[in-house]
Amino acid sequence: MSHRGGALLLLAVLLTACAETYKIRPIQLDESAALTIAADPLLKQVGLIGPRRSCTMAVTLNDVQARVLEVLPGSGSEYCLGFYVSSGALALPLAELRGLIAHGLAHLVLGHARTSAASSGSSRARARGYVQGRPHSLEEEAEADREAARLLTTAVGGPACAGLGQVLERVAAEGDRWSEWTEQHPQTPRRAIAARGLCAGKR
């Protein structure tokens, strides 16, 4: 499916789930729109889309209420970027979804990528749409939060930066619902407060 402005093409990757926790299905129009609206300004900021450049994204949607979103490096010339995302994450408020995308994109910008798009491998890996590497370190998480705050501010404006702190507060409040995400993105008790501090001077 194509983004109306032609800047972004979303390609649903249809994969077979191997367990109850993986219910892979095609992305729906409203979900595609939510992802596009949240991601577009950030992708423009890092140069993945523009007036003469489009971005084809591979999207693997897991239809579960758990919340997880991973931004993955592209697969050669076919895709510029990949997303593994749950329907629970797509249901987040726009500011929080954008904050989550900004954090994932920041890992790529900073060269922290631990995952890559997968078209083969185990059925579990195919269901998730990526090959999982070791978790990010606490230092990498802090660096990605700082870069995400910068991306949000420059791409959308100072108030948008607040979404980063808001989504990290939700991670802490909802606990196990985020367990798959926190396996790769370890939390600390004061992380949301630190993120709010990053954004405090950007309003």
C-alpha atoms as a PDB file:
ATOM      1  CA  MET A   1       0.000   0.000   0.000  1.00  0.00           C
ATOM      2  CA  SER A   2       1.235   3.489  -0.761  1.00  0.00           C
ATOM      3  CA  HIS A   3       1.415   6.582   1.384  1.00  0.00           C
ATOM      4  CA  ARG A   4      -0.817   9.202  -0.281  1.00  0.00           C
ATOM      5  CA  GLY A   5       2.040  11.644  -0.799  1.00  0.00           C
ATOM      6  CA  GLY A   6       4.157   9.017  -2.510  1.00  0.00           C
ATOM      7  CA  ALA A   7       6.937   9.465   0.045  1.00  0.00           C
ATOM      8  CA  LEU A   8       6.404   6.215   1.855  1.00  0.00           C
ATOM      9  CA  LEU A   9       5.353   2.778   0.726  1.00  0.00           C
ATOM     10  CA  LEU A  10       4.327   0.264   3.343  1.00  0.00           C
ATOM     11  CA  LEU A  11       4.671  -3.372   2.440  1.00  0.00           C
ATOM     12  CA  ALA A  12       3.042  -5.899   4.742  1.00  0.00           C
ATOM     13  CA  VAL A  13       5.153  -8.984   5.160  1.00  0.00           C
ATOM     14  CA  LEU A  14       2.874 -11.986   5.382  1.00  0.00           C
ATOM     15  CA  LEU A  15       4.413 -14.611   7.591  1.00  0.00           C
ATOM     16  CA  THR A  16       3.150 -17.701   9.380  1.00  0.00           C
ATOM     17  CA  ALA A  17       3.093 -17.532  13.153  1.00  0.00           C
ATOM     18  CA  CYS A  18       4.429 -20.504  15.032  1.00  0.00           C
ATOM     19  CA  ALA A  19       2.940 -19.933  18.482  1.00  0.00           C
ATOM     20  CA  GLU A  20       0.021 -18.257  20.165  1.00  0.00           C
ATOM     21  CA  THR A  21       2.121 -15.184  20.911  1.00  0.00           C
ATOM     22  CA  TYR A  22       2.676 -14.622  17.176  1.00  0.00           C
ATOM     23  CA  LYS A  23      -0.472 -13.774  15.242  1.00  0.00           C
ATOM     24  CA  ILE A  24       0.935 -12.267  12.086  1.00  0.00           C
ATOM     25  CA  ARG A  25      -1.560 -10.650   9.706  1.00  0.00           C
ATOM     26  CA  PRO A  26      -1.597  -7.968   7.003  1.00  0.00           C
ATOM     27  CA  ILE A  27      -1.504  -4.391   8.216  1.00  0.00           C
ATOM     28  CA  GLN A  28      -4.866  -2.626   7.841  1.00  0.00           C
ATOM     29  CA  LEU A  29      -5.382   0.801   6.255  1.00  0.00           C
ATOM     30  CA  ASP A  30      -5.980   2.590   9.560  1.00  0.00           C
ATOM     31  CA  GLU A  31      -2.905   0.957  11.096  1.00  0.00           C
ATOM     32  CA  SER A  32      -0.812   1.842   8.052  1.00  0.00           C
ATOM     33  CA  ALA A  33      -1.997   5.435   8.344  1.00  0.00           C
ATOM     34  CA  ALA A  34      -1.131   5.582  12.053  1.00  0.00           C
ATOM     35  CA  LEU A  35       2.366   4.230  11.425  1.00  0.00           C
ATOM     36  CA  THR A  36       2.925   6.558   8.464  1.00  0.00           C
ATOM     37  CA  ILE A  37       1.749   9.684  10.291  1.00  0.00           C
ATOM     38  CA  ALA A  38       3.974   8.880  13.263  1.00  0.00           C
ATOM     39  CA  ALA A  39       7.058   7.907  11.253  1.00  0.00           C
ATOM     40  CA  ASP A  40       7.037  10.333   8.300  1.00  0.00           C
ATOM     41  CA  PRO A  41       8.552  13.422   9.977  1.00  0.00           C
ATOM     42  CA  LEU A  42      11.307  11.323  11.542  1.00  0.00           C
ATOM     43  CA  LEU A  43      12.162   9.554   8.288  1.00  0.00           C
ATOM     44  CA  LYS A  44      12.355  12.913   6.531  1.00  0.00           C
ATOM     45  CA  GLN A  45      14.658  14.210   9.245  1.00  0.00           C
ATOM     46  CA  VAL A  46      17.153  11.361   8.776  1.00  0.00           C
ATOM     47  CA  GLY A  47      16.956  11.595   4.982  1.00  0.00           C
ATOM     48  CA  LEU A  48      15.113   8.358   4.205  1.00  0.00           C
ATOM     49  CA  ILE A  49      12.271  10.162   2.432  1.00  0.00           C
ATOM     50  CA  GLY A  50      12.037  13.485   0.661  1.00  0.00           C
ATOM     51  CA  PRO A  51      10.709  15.261  -2.444  1.00  0.00           C
ATOM     52  CA  ARG A  52      12.592  12.904  -4.758  1.00  0.00           C
ATOM     53  CA  ARG A  53      13.061   9.931  -2.508  1.00  0.00           C
ATOM     54  CA  SER A  54      10.597   7.317  -1.290  1.00  0.00           C
ATOM     55  CA  CYS A  55      11.065   4.612   1.295  1.00  0.00           C
ATOM     56  CA  THR A  56       9.691   1.088   0.993  1.00  0.00           C
ATOM     57  CA  MET A  57       9.281  -0.383   4.449  1.00  0.00           C
ATOM     58  CA  ALA A  58       8.799  -4.036   5.308  1.00  0.00           C
ATOM     59  CA  VAL A  59       6.184  -4.204   8.066  1.00  0.00           C
ATOM     60  CA  THR A  60       5.553  -7.322  10.134  1.00  0.00           C
ATOM     61  CA  LEU A  61       2.419  -6.872  12.250  1.00  0.00           C
ATOM     62  CA  ASN A  62       1.809  -9.125  15.249  1.00  0.00           C
ATOM     63  CA  ASP A  63      -1.868  -8.889  16.220  1.00  0.00           C
ATOM     64  CA  VAL A  64      -1.486  -9.038  20.007  1.00  0.00           C
ATOM     65  CA  GLN A  65      -2.173  -6.591  22.830  1.00  0.00           C
ATOM     66  CA  ALA A  66       1.409  -6.732  24.055  1.00  0.00           C
ATOM     67  CA  ARG A  67       3.289  -3.608  23.070  1.00  0.00           C
ATOM     68  CA  VAL A  68       6.465  -3.902  21.004  1.00  0.00           C
ATOM     69  CA  LEU A  69       7.991  -1.952  18.143  1.00  0.00           C
ATOM     70  CA  GLU A  70      11.398  -2.512  16.598  1.00  0.00           C
ATOM     71  CA  VAL A  71      12.889  -0.404  13.812  1.00  0.00           C
ATOM     72  CA  LEU A  72      15.104  -2.604  11.662  1.00  0.00           C
ATOM     73  CA  PRO A  73      17.782  -1.940   9.075  1.00  0.00           C
ATOM     74  CA  GLY A  74      16.728  -2.346   5.474  1.00  0.00           C
ATOM     75  CA  SER A  75      17.177  -5.542   3.499  1.00  0.00           C
ATOM     76  CA  GLY A  76      19.482  -4.650   0.613  1.00  0.00           C
ATOM     77  CA  SER A  77      17.910  -2.612  -2.182  1.00  0.00           C
ATOM     78  CA  GLU A  78      14.408  -4.020  -1.653  1.00  0.00           C
ATOM     79  CA  TYR A  79      13.532  -2.229   1.598  1.00  0.00           C
ATOM     80  CA  CYS A  80      15.046   0.884   3.142  1.00  0.00           C
ATOM     81  CA  LEU A  81      13.687   0.071   6.585  1.00  0.00           C
ATOM     82  CA  GLY A  82      11.769  -2.593   8.476  1.00  0.00           C
ATOM     83  CA  PHE A  83       9.267  -2.530  11.311  1.00  0.00           C
ATOM     84  CA  TYR A  84       8.243  -5.331  13.630  1.00  0.00           C
ATOM     85  CA  VAL A  85       5.237  -3.948  15.500  1.00  0.00           C
ATOM     86  CA  SER A  86       2.291  -5.221  17.504  1.00  0.00           C
ATOM     87  CA  SER A  87      -1.271  -3.982  17.188  1.00  0.00           C
ATOM     88  CA  GLY A  88      -1.016  -3.022  20.858  1.00  0.00           C
ATOM     89  CA  ALA A  89       1.792  -0.605  20.037  1.00  0.00           C
ATOM     90  CA  LEU A  90      -0.103   0.865  17.076  1.00  0.00           C
ATOM     91  CA  ALA A  91      -2.963   1.678  19.470  1.00  0.00           C
ATOM     92  CA  LEU A  92      -0.745   4.088  21.424  1.00  0.00           C
ATOM     93  CA  PRO A  93      -1.485   7.828  21.260  1.00  0.00           C
ATOM     94  CA  LEU A  94       0.317   9.480  18.350  1.00  0.00           C
ATOM     95  CA  ALA A  95       2.902  11.280  20.499  1.00  0.00           C
ATOM     96  CA  GLU A  96       3.862   8.057  22.287  1.00  0.00           C
ATOM     97  CA  LEU A  97       3.986   5.981  19.096  1.00  0.00           C
ATOM     98  CA  ARG A  98       6.209   8.615  17.521  1.00  0.00           C
ATOM     99  CA  GLY A  99       8.430   8.630  20.614  1.00  0.00           C
ATOM    100  CA  LEU A 100       8.802   4.852  20.383  1.00  0.00           C
ATOM    101  CA  ILE A 101       9.672   5.044  16.674  1.00  0.00           C
ATOM    102  CA  ALA A 102      12.167   7.846  17.360  1.00  0.00           C
ATOM    103  CA  HIS A 103      13.929   5.689  19.946  1.00  0.00           C
ATOM    104  CA  GLY A 104      14.168   2.740  17.557  1.00  0.00           C
ATOM    105  CA  LEU A 105      15.326   4.934  14.691  1.00  0.00           C
ATOM    106  CA  ALA A 106      17.929   6.504  16.981  1.00  0.00           C
ATOM    107  CA  HIS A 107      19.518   3.094  17.537  1.00  0.00           C
ATOM    108  CA  LEU A 108      19.978   2.751  13.772  1.00  0.00           C
ATOM    109  CA  VAL A 109      21.333   6.277  13.366  1.00  0.00           C
ATOM    110  CA  LEU A 110      23.833   5.622  16.163  1.00  0.00           C
ATOM    111  CA  GLY A 111      24.919   2.273  14.741  1.00  0.00           C
ATOM    112  CA  HIS A 112      23.462   0.222  17.589  1.00  0.00           C
ATOM    113  CA  ALA A 113      21.538  -2.190  15.359  1.00  0.00           C
ATOM    114  CA  ARG A 114      21.314  -5.654  16.921  1.00  0.00           C
ATOM    115  CA  THR A 115      18.687  -6.966  14.533  1.00  0.00           C
ATOM    116  CA  SER A 116      18.186  -7.368  10.812  1.00  0.00           C
ATOM    117  CA  ALA A 117      15.233  -8.147   8.599  1.00  0.00           C
ATOM    118  CA  ALA A 118      14.856 -11.873   8.075  1.00  0.00           C
ATOM    119  CA  SER A 119      13.377 -13.731   5.127  1.00  0.00           C
ATOM    120  CA  SER A 120      14.667 -17.094   6.298  1.00  0.00           C
ATOM    121  CA  GLY A 121      15.798 -18.812   9.463  1.00  0.00           C
ATOM    122  CA  SER A 122      13.708 -20.386  12.194  1.00  0.00           C
ATOM    123  CA  SER A 123       9.928 -20.157  12.082  1.00  0.00           C
ATOM    124  CA  ARG A 124      10.039 -18.120  15.281  1.00  0.00           C
ATOM    125  CA  ALA A 125      12.388 -15.608  13.665  1.00  0.00           C
ATOM    126  CA  ARG A 126      10.211 -15.428  10.560  1.00  0.00           C
ATOM    127  CA  ALA A 127       7.131 -14.836  12.693  1.00  0.00           C
ATOM    128  CA  ARG A 128       8.818 -11.943  14.415  1.00  0.00           C
ATOM    129  CA  GLY A 129      10.234 -10.692  11.149  1.00  0.00           C
ATOM    130  CA  TYR A 130      13.724 -10.220  12.451  1.00  0.00           C
ATOM    131  CA  VAL A 131      16.708 -12.053  13.869  1.00  0.00           C
ATOM    132  CA  GLN A 132      17.124 -11.033  17.469  1.00  0.00           C
ATOM    133  CA  GLY A 133      20.583 -10.158  18.751  1.00  0.00           C
ATOM    134  CA  ARG A 134      21.820  -9.367  22.221  1.00  0.00           C
ATOM    135  CA  PRO A 135      19.974  -6.678  24.193  1.00  0.00           C
ATOM    136  CA  HIS A 136      21.096  -3.091  24.015  1.00  0.00           C
ATOM    137  CA  SER A 137      23.256  -1.919  26.893  1.00  0.00           C
ATOM    138  CA  LEU A 138      22.062   0.709  29.353  1.00  0.00           C
ATOM    139  CA  GLU A 139      24.580   3.104  27.805  1.00  0.00           C
ATOM    140  CA  GLU A 140      23.139   2.494  24.332  1.00  0.00           C
ATOM    141  CA  GLU A 141      19.629   3.036  25.661  1.00  0.00           C
ATOM    142  CA  ALA A 142      20.619   6.374  27.194  1.00  0.00           C
ATOM    143  CA  GLU A 143      22.340   7.419  23.953  1.00  0.00           C
ATOM    144  CA  ALA A 144      19.266   6.432  21.931  1.00  0.00           C
ATOM    145  CA  ASP A 145      16.984   8.407  24.253  1.00  0.00           C
ATOM    146  CA  ARG A 146      19.143  11.504  23.756  1.00  0.00           C
ATOM    147  CA  GLU A 147      19.158  11.064  19.985  1.00  0.00           C
ATOM    148  CA  ALA A 148      15.401  10.388  19.959  1.00  0.00           C
ATOM    149  CA  ALA A 149      14.797  13.628  21.864  1.00  0.00           C
ATOM    150  CA  ARG A 150      16.881  15.488  19.285  1.00  0.00           C
ATOM    151  CA  LEU A 151      15.069  13.846  16.354  1.00  0.00           C
ATOM    152  CA  LEU A 152      11.636  14.597  17.790  1.00  0.00           C
ATOM    153  CA  THR A 153      12.525  18.220  18.447  1.00  0.00           C
ATOM    154  CA  THR A 154      14.084  18.912  15.054  1.00  0.00           C
ATOM    155  CA  ALA A 155      11.546  16.904  13.042  1.00  0.00           C
ATOM    156  CA  VAL A 156       8.288  17.887  14.727  1.00  0.00           C
ATOM    157  CA  GLY A 157       9.007  20.599  17.298  1.00  0.00           C
ATOM    158  CA  GLY A 158       9.815  20.875  20.987  1.00  0.00           C
ATOM    159  CA  PRO A 159       6.422  19.775  22.379  1.00  0.00           C
ATOM    160  CA  ALA A 160       6.636  16.490  20.435  1.00  0.00           C
ATOM    161  CA  CYS A 161       9.661  15.511  22.512  1.00  0.00           C
ATOM    162  CA  ALA A 162       7.364  14.943  25.499  1.00  0.00           C
ATOM    163  CA  GLY A 163       6.048  11.792  23.823  1.00  0.00           C
ATOM    164  CA  LEU A 164       9.330  10.040  24.594  1.00  0.00           C
ATOM    165  CA  GLY A 165       8.961  10.509  28.337  1.00  0.00           C
ATOM    166  CA  GLN A 166       5.271   9.634  28.148  1.00  0.00           C
ATOM    167  CA  VAL A 167       5.830   6.317  26.412  1.00  0.00           C
ATOM    168  CA  LEU A 168       8.636   5.391  28.825  1.00  0.00           C
ATOM    169  CA  GLU A 169       6.300   6.144  31.736  1.00  0.00           C
ATOM    170  CA  ARG A 170       3.753   3.829  30.143  1.00  0.00           C
ATOM    171  CA  VAL A 171       6.399   1.089  29.805  1.00  0.00           C
ATOM    172  CA  ALA A 172       6.992   1.273  33.559  1.00  0.00           C
ATOM    173  CA  ALA A 173       3.277   1.435  34.402  1.00  0.00           C
ATOM    174  CA  GLU A 174       2.149  -1.442  32.161  1.00  0.00           C
ATOM    175  CA  GLY A 175       4.954  -3.808  33.127  1.00  0.00           C
ATOM    176  CA  ASP A 176       4.642  -7.250  31.533  1.00  0.00           C
ATOM    177  CA  ARG A 177       2.712  -5.909  28.565  1.00  0.00           C
ATOM    178  CA  TRP A 178       6.085  -4.545  27.386  1.00  0.00           C
ATOM    179  CA  SER A 179       8.194  -7.579  28.303  1.00  0.00           C
ATOM    180  CA  GLU A 180       9.239  -8.377  24.725  1.00  0.00           C
ATOM    181  CA  TRP A 181      10.366  -4.788  24.152  1.00  0.00           C
ATOM    182  CA  THR A 182      12.203  -4.503  27.470  1.00  0.00           C
ATOM    183  CA  GLU A 183      14.119  -7.705  26.718  1.00  0.00           C
ATOM    184  CA  GLN A 184      15.941  -5.682  24.065  1.00  0.00           C
ATOM    185  CA  HIS A 185      15.621  -2.232  25.659  1.00  0.00           C
ATOM    186  CA  PRO A 186      16.412  -2.566  29.386  1.00  0.00           C
ATOM    187  CA  GLN A 187      14.712  -0.140  31.728  1.00  0.00           C
ATOM    188  CA  THR A 188      15.959   1.775  34.748  1.00  0.00           C
ATOM    189  CA  PRO A 189      13.722   3.275  37.460  1.00  0.00           C
ATOM    190  CA  ARG A 190      14.542   6.876  36.522  1.00  0.00           C
ATOM    191  CA  ARG A 191      14.591   6.514  32.757  1.00  0.00           C
ATOM    192  CA  ALA A 192      11.293   8.284  32.071  1.00  0.00           C
ATOM    193  CA  ILE A 193      12.323  11.138  34.382  1.00  0.00           C
ATOM    194  CA  ALA A 194      15.620  11.458  32.522  1.00  0.00           C
ATOM    195  CA  ALA A 195      13.770  11.546  29.192  1.00  0.00           C
ATOM    196  CA  ARG A 196      11.486  14.288  30.468  1.00  0.00           C
ATOM    197  CA  GLY A 197      14.594  16.193  31.510  1.00  0.00           C
ATOM    198  CA  LEU A 198      15.996  15.890  27.989  1.00  0.00           C
ATOM    199  CA  CYS A 199      12.839  17.475  26.626  1.00  0.00           C
ATOM    200  CA  ALA A 200      12.307  20.104  29.316  1.00  0.00           C
ATOM    201  CA  GLY A 201      14.406  22.721  27.570  1.00  0.00           C
ATOM    202  CA  LYS A 202      13.067  21.958  24.099  1.00  0.00           C
ATOM    203  CA  ARG A 203       9.602  23.460  24.398  1.00  0.00           C
END
